Amino acid sequence: MLPETLKSDLQAKIDRVDHPREMAIDVINALQDHYGWFSDEALVQAADLLGMSPLEVDELATFYTFIYREPVGRHVIHVCDSLICWMEGGENLVAHLCDRLGIPVGGTTADGLFTLLPVCCIGYCDRAPAILVDRRVHGPLTIESLDRLIDTLQEASP
C-alpha cells in the first residue's frame, strides 16, 4: 500500500505541471524507491496518479535500464559491457564479480544483497573499467578495488 504522504507529495508535484505525463519517470522512480522495484501494483498506482493507462506506463518502464520490473537486490550493480571497458579489462572484472558473488550477470545473490545487471555503456569511459552501484560510478577498477567495494557494501548491510 502506498503511504498517503508519498501519494499526496507525488500528486502535488503532478498538479504543478501542465501535462501529468511530464512527471511519469519521476513518479515511477519514486514508487520504485519506495517498493525496491517497480511492481505491477506500483505500475497501476503510477497510472492512476498520472491519468495514463497501465500499458502506457509499462511501455515507459520497460524502456529504461534503471527501472526494474522484477525484484532486485538491495544493491544493484550495473556492469558496463562497452568496448572501452572491455579493452581496459572489464571482462575480467565481471568474471571475478560473478565468481565472488556466485551469480551470473542478470542474477541476484541468494541473500538478496546484490543484483548484477549488464548495461551497454554507463558513459564513464574515462574511468574504465567502471561499474555503477546503486547509481554511483566506481572506476577505474582493479580486482583489488572491486573486492574492497564489495566488502564495504557487505559490511554496511544488516
Protein backbone atom coordinates (compact mmCIF):
# COMPACT_ATOMS: atom_id res chain seq x y z
CA MET A 1 0.00 0.00 0.00
CA LEU A 2 1.28 3.43 -0.95
CA PRO A 3 1.68 5.70 2.08
CA GLU A 4 -0.66 8.68 1.96
CA THR A 5 2.24 11.11 2.43
CA LEU A 6 4.05 9.79 -0.63
CA LYS A 7 0.85 9.73 -2.65
CA SER A 8 -0.04 13.34 -1.73
CA ASP A 9 3.54 14.50 -2.37
CA LEU A 10 3.52 12.94 -5.84
CA GLN A 11 0.06 14.31 -6.58
CA ALA A 12 1.21 17.82 -5.60
CA LYS A 13 4.17 17.55 -7.99
CA ILE A 14 1.91 16.30 -10.78
CA ASP A 15 -0.54 19.14 -10.17
CA ARG A 16 2.23 21.74 -10.67
CA VAL A 17 2.91 20.76 -14.30
CA ASP A 18 0.82 21.43 -17.39
CA HIS A 19 0.78 17.80 -18.51
CA PRO A 20 0.85 14.98 -15.92
CA ARG A 21 2.80 12.76 -18.33
CA GLU A 22 5.79 15.08 -17.80
CA MET A 23 6.14 13.55 -14.35
CA ALA A 24 5.91 9.90 -15.41
CA ILE A 25 9.57 8.99 -14.87
CA ASP A 26 9.70 10.91 -11.57
CA VAL A 27 6.61 9.05 -10.32
CA ILE A 28 7.96 5.69 -11.49
CA ASN A 29 11.30 6.33 -9.77
CA ALA A 30 9.60 7.44 -6.54
CA LEU A 31 7.48 4.29 -6.45
CA GLN A 32 10.47 2.12 -7.28
CA ASP A 33 12.45 3.75 -4.48
CA HIS A 34 9.57 3.08 -2.09
CA TYR A 35 8.99 -0.57 -3.04
CA GLY A 36 12.53 -1.52 -4.10
CA TRP A 37 11.36 -2.31 -7.63
CA PHE A 38 8.54 -1.24 -9.97
CA SER A 39 5.95 -3.93 -9.37
CA ASP A 40 2.64 -4.41 -11.18
CA GLU A 41 0.94 -2.83 -8.16
CA ALA A 42 3.21 0.21 -8.42
CA LEU A 43 2.54 0.38 -12.16
CA VAL A 44 -1.22 0.64 -11.56
CA GLN A 45 -0.66 3.24 -8.83
CA ALA A 46 1.51 5.31 -11.19
CA ALA A 47 -1.07 5.05 -13.97
CA ASP A 48 -3.81 6.24 -11.61
CA LEU A 49 -1.75 9.19 -10.40
CA LEU A 50 -0.75 10.23 -13.91
CA GLY A 51 -4.08 9.64 -15.65
CA MET A 52 -2.41 7.17 -18.02
CA SER A 53 -3.22 3.59 -18.86
CA PRO A 54 -1.14 0.86 -17.21
CA LEU A 55 0.08 -0.13 -20.69
CA GLU A 56 1.41 3.39 -21.35
CA VAL A 57 3.28 3.38 -18.04
CA ASP A 58 4.63 -0.12 -18.68
CA GLU A 59 5.90 0.94 -22.10
CA LEU A 60 7.93 3.69 -20.42
CA ALA A 61 9.11 1.48 -17.57
CA THR A 62 10.38 -1.30 -19.82
CA PHE A 63 12.28 1.18 -22.00
CA TYR A 64 14.60 2.42 -19.25
CA THR A 65 17.53 0.39 -17.92
CA PHE A 66 17.25 1.73 -14.37
CA ILE A 67 13.61 0.85 -13.87
CA TYR A 68 13.31 -2.67 -12.52
CA ARG A 69 10.15 -4.57 -13.44
CA GLU A 70 11.36 -7.58 -11.43
CA PRO A 71 12.65 -7.68 -7.86
CA VAL A 72 16.31 -6.74 -7.45
CA GLY A 73 18.82 -6.99 -4.65
CA ARG A 74 19.45 -4.29 -2.12
CA HIS A 75 22.48 -3.17 -4.15
CA VAL A 76 22.16 -3.12 -7.93
CA ILE A 77 25.46 -3.38 -9.73
CA HIS A 78 25.43 -2.37 -13.39
CA VAL A 79 28.44 -3.70 -15.24
CA CYS A 80 29.45 -1.81 -18.32
CA ASP A 81 29.93 -4.09 -21.29
CA SER A 82 31.05 -1.41 -23.72
CA LEU A 83 34.10 -1.78 -25.92
CA ILE A 84 36.16 0.67 -23.86
CA CYS A 85 35.55 -1.13 -20.55
CA TRP A 86 36.24 -4.44 -22.26
CA MET A 87 39.55 -3.11 -23.67
CA GLU A 88 40.51 -1.90 -20.19
CA GLY A 89 39.92 -5.30 -18.55
CA GLY A 90 36.23 -5.07 -17.70
CA GLU A 91 35.57 -8.62 -18.85
CA ASN A 92 37.97 -9.96 -16.19
CA LEU A 93 36.32 -7.81 -13.53
CA VAL A 94 32.87 -9.07 -14.45
CA ALA A 95 34.06 -12.68 -14.36
CA HIS A 96 35.63 -12.05 -10.95
CA LEU A 97 32.45 -10.40 -9.69
CA CYS A 98 30.33 -13.32 -10.89
CA ASP A 99 32.65 -15.78 -9.13
CA ARG A 100 32.81 -13.72 -5.95
CA LEU A 101 29.04 -13.25 -5.71
CA GLY A 102 28.19 -16.71 -7.03
CA ILE A 103 25.75 -15.40 -9.63
CA PRO A 104 25.72 -14.84 -13.37
CA VAL A 105 25.17 -11.45 -14.94
CA GLY A 106 21.43 -10.93 -14.60
CA GLY A 107 21.30 -12.79 -11.28
CA THR A 108 20.63 -11.88 -7.67
CA THR A 109 22.51 -13.35 -4.72
CA ALA A 110 20.61 -15.80 -2.52
CA ASP A 111 20.69 -13.34 0.38
CA GLY A 112 19.10 -10.65 -1.81
CA LEU A 113 22.01 -8.29 -1.26
CA PHE A 114 23.29 -7.91 -4.84
CA THR A 115 21.83 -7.95 -8.33
CA LEU A 116 24.28 -7.88 -11.24
CA LEU A 117 22.97 -6.35 -14.44
CA PRO A 118 24.62 -5.53 -17.75
CA VAL A 119 24.41 -2.10 -19.32
CA CYS A 120 25.76 -1.26 -22.75
CA CYS A 121 27.51 1.91 -21.61
CA ILE A 122 27.49 3.98 -18.45
CA GLY A 123 29.23 6.96 -20.02
CA TYR A 124 32.39 6.88 -17.90
CA CYS A 125 34.91 5.75 -20.49
CA ASP A 126 37.50 7.99 -18.85
CA ARG A 127 37.18 5.81 -15.72
CA ALA A 128 37.16 2.42 -17.46
CA PRO A 129 36.70 -0.22 -16.40
CA ALA A 130 33.78 1.10 -14.43
CA ILE A 131 30.59 -0.09 -12.80
CA LEU A 132 27.57 1.59 -11.27
CA VAL A 133 26.50 0.53 -7.81
CA ASP A 134 23.18 1.98 -6.72
CA ARG A 135 23.56 4.61 -9.47
CA ARG A 136 27.01 5.71 -8.28
CA VAL A 137 30.00 5.24 -10.56
CA HIS A 138 33.10 3.37 -9.42
CA GLY A 139 36.19 3.27 -11.55
CA PRO A 140 38.72 2.78 -12.82
CA LEU A 141 38.60 -0.54 -11.03
CA THR A 142 41.05 -3.31 -10.35
CA ILE A 143 40.14 -6.68 -8.87
CA GLU A 144 41.51 -5.42 -5.54
CA SER A 145 39.47 -2.19 -5.55
CA LEU A 146 36.39 -4.12 -6.65
CA ASP A 147 36.84 -6.55 -3.75
CA ARG A 148 37.19 -3.63 -1.30
CA LEU A 149 33.97 -2.12 -2.66
CA ILE A 150 32.06 -5.39 -2.27
CA ASP A 151 33.49 -5.88 1.25
CA THR A 152 32.34 -2.38 2.21
CA LEU A 153 28.83 -2.98 0.90
CA GLN A 154 28.59 -6.33 2.69
CA GLU A 155 29.86 -4.87 5.97
CA ALA A 156 27.39 -1.98 5.81
CA SER A 157 24.40 -4.28 5.26
CA PRO A 158 22.40 -5.58 8.21
